[in-house]
Structures are given as C-alpha cells and as structure tokens.
Amino acid sequence: MGLATTPAMLTQIEEQWKSRARTQGYKPGSNRYRQAELEFFVGAMAAIEAVTGNPSPPRWVIAGMRGDPIAV
C-alpha cells in the first residue's frame, strides 16, 4: 500500500486547520467554523485514504458525524 498514517501526521493536519481557521477569521463554535472545519477534514480524510489505502481516522469521522469539534 501507500504511506502509513502516524499520530504526528494527524496532529500536523489538525494544526493546519487551526492556522487556516485563524487566518480566515472563523470563530470557534460558529456555524461557519463548523461547516468549514467539516469540509476541510472531509477533504483531508479523502486524501489520506487515497494515499494510504487506509480508512479515515475514527476520531475525525465520529466528531464530524456528531457535529463536535474535530481539531480540539
């Protein structure tokens, strides 16, 4: 298969989201923040699966399905 997903990689992606959200001026907890966060992580999950052949990180999937913050 492709690359292995490591906890460090997931943390780096989460930090990229936080940086992007700050740059875009999204307010944590707002509807726009939640929508943009979900869109970002759905794209990240699709990319991870395409590269690694492994399913998405469960903590991202479950948080997204529940409407909870993904990158805490």
PDB file of N, CA and C in Angstrom:
ATOM      1  N   MET A   1       0.831  -1.193   0.000  1.00  0.00           N
ATOM      2  CA  MET A   1       0.000   0.000   0.000  1.00  0.00           C
ATOM      3  C   MET A   1       0.871   1.250   0.000  1.00  0.00           C
ATOM      4  N   GLY A   2       0.250   2.353   0.387  1.00  0.00           N
ATOM      5  CA  GLY A   2       0.941   3.632   0.421  1.00  0.00           C
ATOM      6  C   GLY A   2       1.587   3.882   1.767  1.00  0.00           C
ATOM      7  N   LEU A   3       1.640   5.114   2.143  1.00  0.00           N
ATOM      8  CA  LEU A   3       2.230   5.524   3.416  1.00  0.00           C
ATOM      9  C   LEU A   3       1.361   5.114   4.594  1.00  0.00           C
ATOM     10  N   ALA A   4       1.982   5.025   5.752  1.00  0.00           N
ATOM     11  CA  ALA A   4       1.234   4.796   6.987  1.00  0.00           C
ATOM     12  C   ALA A   4       0.883   6.141   7.603  1.00  0.00           C
ATOM     13  N   THR A   5      -0.290   6.221   8.147  1.00  0.00           N
ATOM     14  CA  THR A   5      -0.712   7.435   8.843  1.00  0.00           C
ATOM     15  C   THR A   5      -0.194   7.360  10.277  1.00  0.00           C
ATOM     16  N   THR A   6       0.477   8.405  10.714  1.00  0.00           N
ATOM     17  CA  THR A   6       1.010   8.430  12.078  1.00  0.00           C
ATOM     18  C   THR A   6       0.261   9.471  12.912  1.00  0.00           C
ATOM     19  N   PRO A   7       0.283   9.329  14.214  1.00  0.00           N
ATOM     20  CA  PRO A   7      -0.334  10.349  15.065  1.00  0.00           C
ATOM     21  C   PRO A   7       0.258  11.743  14.805  1.00  0.00           C
ATOM     22  N   ALA A   8       1.551  11.807  14.528  1.00  0.00           N
ATOM     23  CA  ALA A   8       2.187  13.102  14.249  1.00  0.00           C
ATOM     24  C   ALA A   8       1.613  13.745  12.988  1.00  0.00           C
ATOM     25  N   MET A   9       1.343  12.922  11.975  1.00  0.00           N
ATOM     26  CA  MET A   9       0.750  13.450  10.743  1.00  0.00           C
ATOM     27  C   MET A   9      -0.645  14.014  11.009  1.00  0.00           C
ATOM     28  N   LEU A  10      -1.432  13.288  11.795  1.00  0.00           N
ATOM     29  CA  LEU A  10      -2.790  13.738  12.104  1.00  0.00           C
ATOM     30  C   LEU A  10      -2.757  15.044  12.894  1.00  0.00           C
ATOM     31  N   THR A  11      -1.840  15.127  13.843  1.00  0.00           N
ATOM     32  CA  THR A  11      -1.694  16.353  14.628  1.00  0.00           C
ATOM     33  C   THR A  11      -1.297  17.513  13.734  1.00  0.00           C
ATOM     34  N   GLN A  12      -0.404  17.268  12.791  1.00  0.00           N
ATOM     35  CA  GLN A  12       0.022  18.327  11.872  1.00  0.00           C
ATOM     36  C   GLN A  12      -1.147  18.812  11.020  1.00  0.00           C
ATOM     37  N   ILE A  13      -1.976  17.914  10.548  1.00  0.00           N
ATOM     38  CA  ILE A  13      -3.150  18.300   9.749  1.00  0.00           C
ATOM     39  C   ILE A  13      -4.115  19.110  10.609  1.00  0.00           C
ATOM     40  N   GLU A  14      -4.315  18.688  11.862  1.00  0.00           N
ATOM     41  CA  GLU A  14      -5.186  19.436  12.763  1.00  0.00           C
ATOM     42  C   GLU A  14      -4.645  20.845  13.003  1.00  0.00           C
ATOM     43  N   GLU A  15      -3.335  20.970  13.151  1.00  0.00           N
ATOM     44  CA  GLU A  15      -2.725  22.291  13.337  1.00  0.00           C
ATOM     45  C   GLU A  15      -2.867  23.146  12.074  1.00  0.00           C
ATOM     46  N   GLN A  16      -2.787  22.524  10.910  1.00  0.00           N
ATOM     47  CA  GLN A  16      -3.000  23.260   9.659  1.00  0.00           C
ATOM     48  C   GLN A  16      -4.418  23.827   9.615  1.00  0.00           C
ATOM     49  N   TRP A  17      -5.388  23.034  10.068  1.00  0.00           N
ATOM     50  CA  TRP A  17      -6.762  23.528  10.100  1.00  0.00           C
ATOM     51  C   TRP A  17      -6.879  24.734  11.038  1.00  0.00           C
ATOM     52  N   LYS A  18      -6.320  24.620  12.243  1.00  0.00           N
ATOM     53  CA  LYS A  18      -6.411  25.710  13.213  1.00  0.00           C
ATOM     54  C   LYS A  18      -5.787  26.991  12.667  1.00  0.00           C
ATOM     55  N   SER A  19      -4.651  26.855  11.991  1.00  0.00           N
ATOM     56  CA  SER A  19      -3.993  28.012  11.392  1.00  0.00           C
ATOM     57  C   SER A  19      -4.867  28.620  10.295  1.00  0.00           C
ATOM     58  N   ARG A  20      -5.431  27.775   9.466  1.00  0.00           N
ATOM     59  CA  ARG A  20      -6.308  28.254   8.388  1.00  0.00           C
ATOM     60  C   ARG A  20      -7.527  28.963   8.965  1.00  0.00           C
ATOM     61  N   ALA A  21      -8.132  28.381   9.992  1.00  0.00           N
ATOM     62  CA  ALA A  21      -9.319  28.983  10.602  1.00  0.00           C
ATOM     63  C   ALA A  21      -8.999  30.362  11.168  1.00  0.00           C
ATOM     64  N   ARG A  22      -7.847  30.483  11.838  1.00  0.00           N
ATOM     65  CA  ARG A  22      -7.436  31.793  12.370  1.00  0.00           C
ATOM     66  C   ARG A  22      -7.234  32.790  11.245  1.00  0.00           C
ATOM     67  N   THR A  23      -6.541  32.365  10.192  1.00  0.00           N
ATOM     68  CA  THR A  23      -6.262  33.246   9.054  1.00  0.00           C
ATOM     69  C   THR A  23      -7.548  33.723   8.396  1.00  0.00           C
ATOM     70  N   GLN A  24      -8.533  32.826   8.288  1.00  0.00           N
ATOM     71  CA  GLN A  24      -9.805  33.165   7.659  1.00  0.00           C
ATOM     72  C   GLN A  24     -10.735  33.926   8.590  1.00  0.00           C
ATOM     73  N   GLY A  25     -10.386  34.005   9.857  1.00  0.00           N
ATOM     74  CA  GLY A  25     -11.204  34.734  10.819  1.00  0.00           C
ATOM     75  C   GLY A  25     -12.424  33.969  11.304  1.00  0.00           C
ATOM     76  N   TYR A  26     -12.402  32.637  11.189  1.00  0.00           N
ATOM     77  CA  TYR A  26     -13.530  31.841  11.662  1.00  0.00           C
ATOM     78  C   TYR A  26     -13.547  31.830  13.189  1.00  0.00           C
ATOM     79  N   LYS A  27     -14.696  32.001  13.767  1.00  0.00           N
ATOM     80  CA  LYS A  27     -14.856  31.986  15.212  1.00  0.00           C
ATOM     81  C   LYS A  27     -15.218  30.575  15.668  1.00  0.00           C
ATOM     82  N   PRO A  28     -14.389  29.949  16.517  1.00  0.00           N
ATOM     83  CA  PRO A  28     -14.714  28.609  17.004  1.00  0.00           C
ATOM     84  C   PRO A  28     -16.123  28.572  17.598  1.00  0.00           C
ATOM     85  N   GLY A  29     -16.855  27.535  17.237  1.00  0.00           N
ATOM     86  CA  GLY A  29     -18.222  27.384  17.726  1.00  0.00           C
ATOM     87  C   GLY A  29     -19.282  27.965  16.806  1.00  0.00           C
ATOM     88  N   SER A  30     -18.864  28.824  15.863  1.00  0.00           N
ATOM     89  CA  SER A  30     -19.847  29.409  14.944  1.00  0.00           C
ATOM     90  C   SER A  30     -20.239  28.390  13.876  1.00  0.00           C
ATOM     91  N   ASN A  31     -21.380  28.622  13.250  1.00  0.00           N
ATOM     92  CA  ASN A  31     -21.818  27.728  12.179  1.00  0.00           C
ATOM     93  C   ASN A  31     -20.813  27.707  11.037  1.00  0.00           C
ATOM     94  N   ARG A  32     -20.275  28.866  10.675  1.00  0.00           N
ATOM     95  CA  ARG A  32     -19.308  28.928   9.572  1.00  0.00           C
ATOM     96  C   ARG A  32     -18.051  28.137   9.917  1.00  0.00           C
ATOM     97  N   TYR A  33     -17.585  28.244  11.144  1.00  0.00           N
ATOM     98  CA  TYR A  33     -16.406  27.493  11.577  1.00  0.00           C
ATOM     99  C   TYR A  33     -16.667  25.995  11.446  1.00  0.00           C
ATOM    100  N   ARG A  34     -17.804  25.543  11.981  1.00  0.00           N
ATOM    101  CA  ARG A  34     -18.120  24.111  11.937  1.00  0.00           C
ATOM    102  C   ARG A  34     -18.227  23.603  10.501  1.00  0.00           C
ATOM    103  N   GLN A  35     -18.871  24.382   9.639  1.00  0.00           N
ATOM    104  CA  GLN A  35     -19.019  23.965   8.241  1.00  0.00           C
ATOM    105  C   GLN A  35     -17.660  23.893   7.544  1.00  0.00           C
ATOM    106  N   ALA A  36     -16.840  24.926   7.723  1.00  0.00           N
ATOM    107  CA  ALA A  36     -15.521  24.954   7.086  1.00  0.00           C
ATOM    108  C   ALA A  36     -14.618  23.852   7.648  1.00  0.00           C
ATOM    109  N   GLU A  37     -14.709  23.604   8.948  1.00  0.00           N
ATOM    110  CA  GLU A  37     -13.911  22.543   9.566  1.00  0.00           C
ATOM    111  C   GLU A  37     -14.296  21.191   8.976  1.00  0.00           C
ATOM    112  N   LEU A  38     -15.589  20.936   8.859  1.00  0.00           N
ATOM    113  CA  LEU A  38     -16.045  19.666   8.305  1.00  0.00           C
ATOM    114  C   LEU A  38     -15.578  19.506   6.861  1.00  0.00           C
ATOM    115  N   GLU A  39     -15.703  20.555   6.067  1.00  0.00           N
ATOM    116  CA  GLU A  39     -15.242  20.497   4.674  1.00  0.00           C
ATOM    117  C   GLU A  39     -13.744  20.223   4.598  1.00  0.00           C
ATOM    118  N   PHE A  40     -12.963  20.887   5.428  1.00  0.00           N
ATOM    119  CA  PHE A  40     -11.518  20.694   5.449  1.00  0.00           C
ATOM    120  C   PHE A  40     -11.174  19.242   5.769  1.00  0.00           C
ATOM    121  N   PHE A  41     -11.801  18.699   6.819  1.00  0.00           N
ATOM    122  CA  PHE A  41     -11.453  17.346   7.245  1.00  0.00           C
ATOM    123  C   PHE A  41     -12.007  16.269   6.329  1.00  0.00           C
ATOM    124  N   VAL A  42     -13.119  16.502   5.681  1.00  0.00           N
ATOM    125  CA  VAL A  42     -13.598  15.535   4.690  1.00  0.00           C
ATOM    126  C   VAL A  42     -12.586  15.445   3.550  1.00  0.00           C
ATOM    127  N   GLY A  43     -12.060  16.591   3.116  1.00  0.00           N
ATOM    128  CA  GLY A  43     -11.017  16.589   2.091  1.00  0.00           C
ATOM    129  C   GLY A  43      -9.753  15.898   2.564  1.00  0.00           C
ATOM    130  N   ALA A  44      -9.366  16.173   3.805  1.00  0.00           N
ATOM    131  CA  ALA A  44      -8.166  15.535   4.358  1.00  0.00           C
ATOM    132  C   ALA A  44      -8.361  14.025   4.454  1.00  0.00           C
ATOM    133  N   MET A  45      -9.552  13.599   4.879  1.00  0.00           N
ATOM    134  CA  MET A  45      -9.817  12.164   5.006  1.00  0.00           C
ATOM    135  C   MET A  45      -9.783  11.477   3.646  1.00  0.00           C
ATOM    136  N   ALA A  46     -10.338  12.127   2.637  1.00  0.00           N
ATOM    137  CA  ALA A  46     -10.315  11.543   1.289  1.00  0.00           C
ATOM    138  C   ALA A  46      -8.883  11.429   0.786  1.00  0.00           C
ATOM    139  N   ALA A  47      -8.072  12.454   1.031  1.00  0.00           N
ATOM    140  CA  ALA A  47      -6.675  12.427   0.600  1.00  0.00           C
ATOM    141  C   ALA A  47      -5.892  11.344   1.330  1.00  0.00           C
ATOM    142  N   ILE A  48      -6.095  11.228   2.641  1.00  0.00           N
ATOM    143  CA  ILE A  48      -5.393  10.204   3.421  1.00  0.00           C
ATOM    144  C   ILE A  48      -5.740   8.818   2.900  1.00  0.00           C
ATOM    145  N   GLU A  49      -7.024   8.583   2.660  1.00  0.00           N
ATOM    146  CA  GLU A  49      -7.435   7.261   2.179  1.00  0.00           C
ATOM    147  C   GLU A  49      -6.874   6.977   0.789  1.00  0.00           C
ATOM    148  N   ALA A  50      -6.828   7.994  -0.061  1.00  0.00           N
ATOM    149  CA  ALA A  50      -6.291   7.799  -1.408  1.00  0.00           C
ATOM    150  C   ALA A  50      -4.797   7.474  -1.375  1.00  0.00           C
ATOM    151  N   VAL A  51      -4.067   8.100  -0.474  1.00  0.00           N
ATOM    152  CA  VAL A  51      -2.620   7.905  -0.407  1.00  0.00           C
ATOM    153  C   VAL A  51      -2.244   6.637   0.352  1.00  0.00           C
ATOM    154  N   THR A  52      -2.932   6.374   1.458  1.00  0.00           N
ATOM    155  CA  THR A  52      -2.546   5.253   2.308  1.00  0.00           C
ATOM    156  C   THR A  52      -3.334   3.978   2.030  1.00  0.00           C
ATOM    157  N   GLY A  53      -4.525   4.123   1.489  1.00  0.00           N
ATOM    158  CA  GLY A  53      -5.393   2.964   1.307  1.00  0.00           C
ATOM    159  C   GLY A  53      -6.084   2.553   2.591  1.00  0.00           C
ATOM    160  N   ASN A  54      -5.862   3.328   3.651  1.00  0.00           N
ATOM    161  CA  ASN A  54      -6.478   3.048   4.949  1.00  0.00           C
ATOM    162  C   ASN A  54      -7.669   3.967   5.172  1.00  0.00           C
ATOM    163  N   PRO A  55      -8.625   3.519   5.983  1.00  0.00           N
ATOM    164  CA  PRO A  55      -9.775   4.386   6.258  1.00  0.00           C
ATOM    165  C   PRO A  55      -9.380   5.610   7.064  1.00  0.00           C
ATOM    166  N   SER A  56     -10.283   6.540   7.137  1.00  0.00           N
ATOM    167  CA  SER A  56     -10.058   7.794   7.851  1.00  0.00           C
ATOM    168  C   SER A  56      -9.899   7.563   9.348  1.00  0.00           C
ATOM    169  N   PRO A  57      -9.211   8.496  10.013  1.00  0.00           N
ATOM    170  CA  PRO A  57      -9.062   8.375  11.466  1.00  0.00           C
ATOM    171  C   PRO A  57     -10.437   8.389  12.143  1.00  0.00           C
ATOM    172  N   PRO A  58     -10.762   7.381  12.945  1.00  0.00           N
ATOM    173  CA  PRO A  58     -12.084   7.318  13.573  1.00  0.00           C
ATOM    174  C   PRO A  58     -12.446   8.554  14.378  1.00  0.00           C
ATOM    175  N   ARG A  59     -11.467   9.164  15.059  1.00  0.00           N
ATOM    176  CA  ARG A  59     -11.814  10.331  15.879  1.00  0.00           C
ATOM    177  C   ARG A  59     -12.322  11.485  15.023  1.00  0.00           C
ATOM    178  N   TRP A  60     -11.828  11.630  13.801  1.00  0.00           N
ATOM    179  CA  TRP A  60     -12.319  12.673  12.900  1.00  0.00           C
ATOM    180  C   TRP A  60     -13.716  12.340  12.398  1.00  0.00           C
ATOM    181  N   VAL A  61     -13.924  11.094  12.017  1.00  0.00           N
ATOM    182  CA  VAL A  61     -15.219  10.675  11.473  1.00  0.00           C
ATOM    183  C   VAL A  61     -16.318  10.827  12.517  1.00  0.00           C
ATOM    184  N   ILE A  62     -16.071  10.326  13.710  1.00  0.00           N
ATOM    185  CA  ILE A  62     -17.097  10.368  14.757  1.00  0.00           C
ATOM    186  C   ILE A  62     -17.402  11.804  15.160  1.00  0.00           C
ATOM    187  N   ALA A  63     -16.381  12.618  15.341  1.00  0.00           N
ATOM    188  CA  ALA A  63     -16.611  14.017  15.710  1.00  0.00           C
ATOM    189  C   ALA A  63     -17.396  14.730  14.610  1.00  0.00           C
ATOM    190  N   GLY A  64     -17.044  14.504  13.365  1.00  0.00           N
ATOM    191  CA  GLY A  64     -17.754  15.144  12.266  1.00  0.00           C
ATOM    192  C   GLY A  64     -19.206  14.716  12.186  1.00  0.00           C
ATOM    193  N   MET A  65     -19.461  13.445  12.407  1.00  0.00           N
ATOM    194  CA  MET A  65     -20.840  12.944  12.359  1.00  0.00           C
ATOM    195  C   MET A  65     -21.676  13.499  13.514  1.00  0.00           C
ATOM    196  N   ARG A  66     -21.055  13.714  14.648  1.00  0.00           N
ATOM    197  CA  ARG A  66     -21.784  14.216  15.810  1.00  0.00           C
ATOM    198  C   ARG A  66     -21.908  15.734  15.805  1.00  0.00           C
ATOM    199  N   GLY A  67     -21.143  16.407  14.965  1.00  0.00           N
ATOM    200  CA  GLY A  67     -21.149  17.863  14.973  1.00  0.00           C
ATOM    201  C   GLY A  67     -20.247  18.445  16.036  1.00  0.00           C
ATOM    202  N   ASP A  68     -19.364  17.603  16.587  1.00  0.00           N
ATOM    203  CA  ASP A  68     -18.409  18.052  17.596  1.00  0.00           C
ATOM    204  C   ASP A  68     -17.187  18.649  16.901  1.00  0.00           C
ATOM    205  N   PRO A  69     -16.413  19.479  17.599  1.00  0.00           N
ATOM    206  CA  PRO A  69     -15.169  19.969  17.022  1.00  0.00           C
ATOM    207  C   PRO A  69     -14.261  18.797  16.656  1.00  0.00           C
ATOM    208  N   ILE A  70     -13.638  18.880  15.504  1.00  0.00           N
ATOM    209  CA  ILE A  70     -12.766  17.791  15.046  1.00  0.00           C
ATOM    210  C   ILE A  70     -11.353  17.999  15.567  1.00  0.00           C
ATOM    211  N   ALA A  71     -10.841  19.190  15.405  1.00  0.00           N
ATOM    212  CA  ALA A  71      -9.491  19.521  15.883  1.00  0.00           C
ATOM    213  C   ALA A  71      -9.646  20.258  17.211  1.00  0.00           C
ATOM    214  N   VAL A  72      -9.373  19.547  18.280  1.00  0.00           N
ATOM    215  CA  VAL A  72      -9.568  20.139  19.610  1.00  0.00           C
ATOM    216  C   VAL A  72      -8.306  20.817  20.061  1.00  0.00           C
TER     217      VAL A  72
END
